[in-house]
């Protein structure tokens, strides 16, 4: 089973009208944080993500951060480098109209190639769920995260429940 993981709004909270906690590097890093918002990422999320992986999920970056996710976030979280979705050129994607799924949806379904998957992102809508249900033959959980808080205990509980069901 694949677990597609977004970064902005999922691991890095933003948009709330409150100050965010700032975290210290969890271990010695080769230099200062490689991204100005990295200190908003709770390093303890790495161990929680590894627990999901231990349940049978392969963690895969599904973010516009691309290689920067492995260069900056993986060390911060204590994760080994993950495979990452290589997004198609946006000009190659036909426009499907105003009720089209998110631009990530079709590439993730193609990348999963029929395997069960979980997609964790702050921009998922019912349009994406409908598209996946119609175009993906295996079980899939599209889990929406509140961008103001990023992944929370509630999110991890929902993910663990679905993965182990």
Protein backbone atom coordinates (compact mmCIF):
# COMPACT_ATOMS: atom_id res chain seq x y z
CA UNK A 1 0.00 0.00 0.00
CA UNK A 2 1.25 3.47 -0.85
CA UNK A 3 0.92 6.52 1.39
CA UNK A 4 1.22 9.71 -0.66
CA UNK A 5 2.30 12.56 1.60
CA UNK A 6 1.94 16.27 0.89
CA UNK A 7 4.06 18.85 2.74
CA UNK A 8 2.57 22.37 2.73
CA UNK A 9 -0.51 22.41 4.94
CA UNK A 10 0.01 18.76 5.87
CA UNK A 11 3.38 18.69 7.62
CA UNK A 12 3.84 22.47 7.66
CA UNK A 13 0.74 24.16 9.10
CA UNK A 14 -0.19 27.59 7.78
CA UNK A 15 -3.08 30.04 7.65
CA UNK A 16 -4.20 30.08 11.28
CA UNK A 17 -4.49 33.35 13.13
CA UNK A 18 -2.14 32.25 15.88
CA UNK A 19 1.58 31.86 16.31
CA UNK A 20 2.89 28.41 15.47
CA UNK A 21 5.17 26.48 17.76
CA UNK A 22 8.73 26.56 16.55
CA UNK A 23 10.72 23.35 16.89
CA UNK A 24 14.43 22.94 17.36
CA UNK A 25 16.33 20.55 15.11
CA UNK A 26 15.72 17.10 16.57
CA UNK A 27 19.29 15.99 15.95
CA UNK A 28 22.47 17.43 14.59
CA UNK A 29 21.85 18.53 11.02
CA UNK A 30 24.57 19.37 8.49
CA UNK A 31 23.68 23.06 8.70
CA UNK A 32 20.85 25.43 9.51
CA UNK A 33 17.31 24.40 8.57
CA UNK A 34 17.22 24.14 4.78
CA UNK A 35 13.83 25.86 4.52
CA UNK A 36 12.51 28.88 6.45
CA UNK A 37 9.31 27.06 7.52
CA UNK A 38 11.00 23.83 8.54
CA UNK A 39 10.94 24.82 12.23
CA UNK A 40 7.11 24.61 12.08
CA UNK A 41 7.36 20.86 11.43
CA UNK A 42 7.15 18.80 14.59
CA UNK A 43 10.08 16.35 14.35
CA UNK A 44 7.98 13.78 16.25
CA UNK A 45 5.87 13.37 13.10
CA UNK A 46 8.73 11.31 11.65
CA UNK A 47 8.27 8.51 14.20
CA UNK A 48 4.50 8.61 13.69
CA UNK A 49 4.94 8.31 9.93
CA UNK A 50 7.34 5.40 10.45
CA UNK A 51 4.64 3.67 12.52
CA UNK A 52 2.27 3.99 9.55
CA UNK A 53 4.96 2.54 7.32
CA UNK A 54 5.35 -0.37 9.76
CA UNK A 55 1.65 -1.12 9.22
CA UNK A 56 2.43 -1.87 5.58
CA UNK A 57 2.57 1.51 3.85
CA UNK A 58 5.33 2.78 1.63
CA UNK A 59 5.71 6.50 2.29
CA UNK A 60 6.00 8.52 -0.93
CA UNK A 61 6.43 12.29 -1.22
CA UNK A 62 3.50 13.77 -3.19
CA UNK A 63 4.56 17.39 -3.06
CA UNK A 64 5.87 20.19 -5.21
CA UNK A 65 8.93 20.15 -2.95
CA UNK A 66 10.24 17.26 -5.08
CA UNK A 67 13.87 16.46 -4.13
CA UNK A 68 13.86 19.18 -1.48
CA UNK A 69 11.55 16.94 0.56
CA UNK A 70 14.35 14.38 0.86
CA UNK A 71 17.09 17.00 1.26
CA UNK A 72 15.36 19.10 3.95
CA UNK A 73 12.36 17.30 5.46
CA UNK A 74 13.53 13.69 5.62
CA UNK A 75 16.58 14.52 7.80
CA UNK A 76 14.47 16.83 10.01
CA UNK A 77 11.95 14.03 10.54
CA UNK A 78 14.58 11.30 10.89
CA UNK A 79 13.30 9.52 7.78
CA UNK A 80 15.31 7.80 5.11
CA UNK A 81 14.90 9.35 1.67
CA UNK A 82 11.51 8.46 0.19
CA UNK A 83 10.48 7.88 -3.38
CA UNK A 84 8.70 10.87 -4.81
CA UNK A 85 6.04 11.45 -7.40
CA UNK A 86 7.51 13.10 -10.47
CA UNK A 87 4.68 15.35 -11.62
CA UNK A 88 3.88 15.59 -15.33
CA UNK A 89 4.40 18.86 -17.15
CA UNK A 90 1.29 20.94 -16.44
CA UNK A 91 0.98 21.79 -20.14
CA UNK A 92 0.59 18.06 -20.90
CA UNK A 93 -2.50 17.79 -18.72
CA UNK A 94 -5.80 18.59 -20.48
CA UNK A 95 -8.14 20.98 -18.70
CA UNK A 96 -11.21 19.10 -17.47
CA UNK A 97 -13.39 22.06 -16.57
CA UNK A 98 -14.36 23.88 -13.37
CA UNK A 99 -15.37 20.69 -11.53
CA UNK A 100 -12.11 18.97 -12.37
CA UNK A 101 -10.18 17.06 -9.72
CA UNK A 102 -7.10 18.56 -8.12
CA UNK A 103 -4.10 18.61 -10.45
CA UNK A 104 -2.41 15.89 -8.35
CA UNK A 105 -5.32 13.44 -8.47
CA UNK A 106 -4.89 11.90 -11.93
CA UNK A 107 -1.08 11.57 -11.63
CA UNK A 108 -1.45 9.86 -8.23
CA UNK A 109 -3.98 7.38 -9.60
CA UNK A 110 -1.61 6.65 -12.49
CA UNK A 111 1.39 6.37 -10.15
CA UNK A 112 -0.45 3.94 -7.87
CA UNK A 113 -1.02 1.70 -10.93
CA UNK A 114 -3.91 -0.14 -9.31
CA UNK A 115 -2.32 -0.53 -5.86
CA UNK A 116 -4.26 0.50 -2.75
CA UNK A 117 -3.23 3.93 -1.53
CA UNK A 118 -3.71 6.65 1.03
CA UNK A 119 -3.32 10.28 -0.01
CA UNK A 120 -2.82 12.83 2.77
CA UNK A 121 -3.22 16.45 1.63
CA UNK A 122 -4.91 19.70 2.64
CA UNK A 123 -6.49 20.31 -0.79
CA UNK A 124 -8.52 17.12 -1.28
CA UNK A 125 -12.22 17.54 -2.11
CA UNK A 126 -15.18 15.31 -2.93
CA UNK A 127 -14.41 15.86 -6.62
CA UNK A 128 -11.10 14.06 -6.06
CA UNK A 129 -12.80 11.25 -4.13
CA UNK A 130 -15.34 10.80 -6.94
CA UNK A 131 -12.58 10.70 -9.57
CA UNK A 132 -10.58 8.09 -7.64
CA UNK A 133 -13.68 5.97 -7.02
CA UNK A 134 -14.44 5.98 -10.75
CA UNK A 135 -10.88 5.45 -12.03
CA UNK A 136 -9.03 3.38 -9.43
CA UNK A 137 -9.81 -0.34 -8.99
CA UNK A 138 -8.37 -0.75 -5.47
CA UNK A 139 -9.23 0.78 -2.11
CA UNK A 140 -8.05 4.34 -1.61
CA UNK A 141 -8.35 6.78 1.26
CA UNK A 142 -8.14 10.45 0.39
CA UNK A 143 -7.60 12.07 3.77
CA UNK A 144 -8.07 15.84 4.02
CA UNK A 145 -5.89 17.62 6.60
CA UNK A 146 -6.79 21.04 8.03
CA UNK A 147 -3.99 23.28 6.74
CA UNK A 148 -4.17 25.48 9.83
CA UNK A 149 -2.94 22.66 12.06
CA UNK A 150 -1.26 20.08 9.81
CA UNK A 151 -1.35 16.42 10.81
CA UNK A 152 -2.92 15.94 14.25
CA UNK A 153 -3.61 13.01 16.58
CA UNK A 154 -7.09 12.79 15.03
CA UNK A 155 -5.58 12.44 11.54
CA UNK A 156 -3.16 9.73 12.62
CA UNK A 157 -5.96 7.80 14.33
CA UNK A 158 -8.08 7.94 11.15
CA UNK A 159 -5.14 6.83 9.00
CA UNK A 160 -4.22 3.94 11.30
CA UNK A 161 -7.83 2.79 11.50
CA UNK A 162 -8.21 2.72 7.70
CA UNK A 163 -4.84 1.06 7.07
CA UNK A 164 -5.47 -1.72 9.60
CA UNK A 165 -9.12 -2.32 8.59
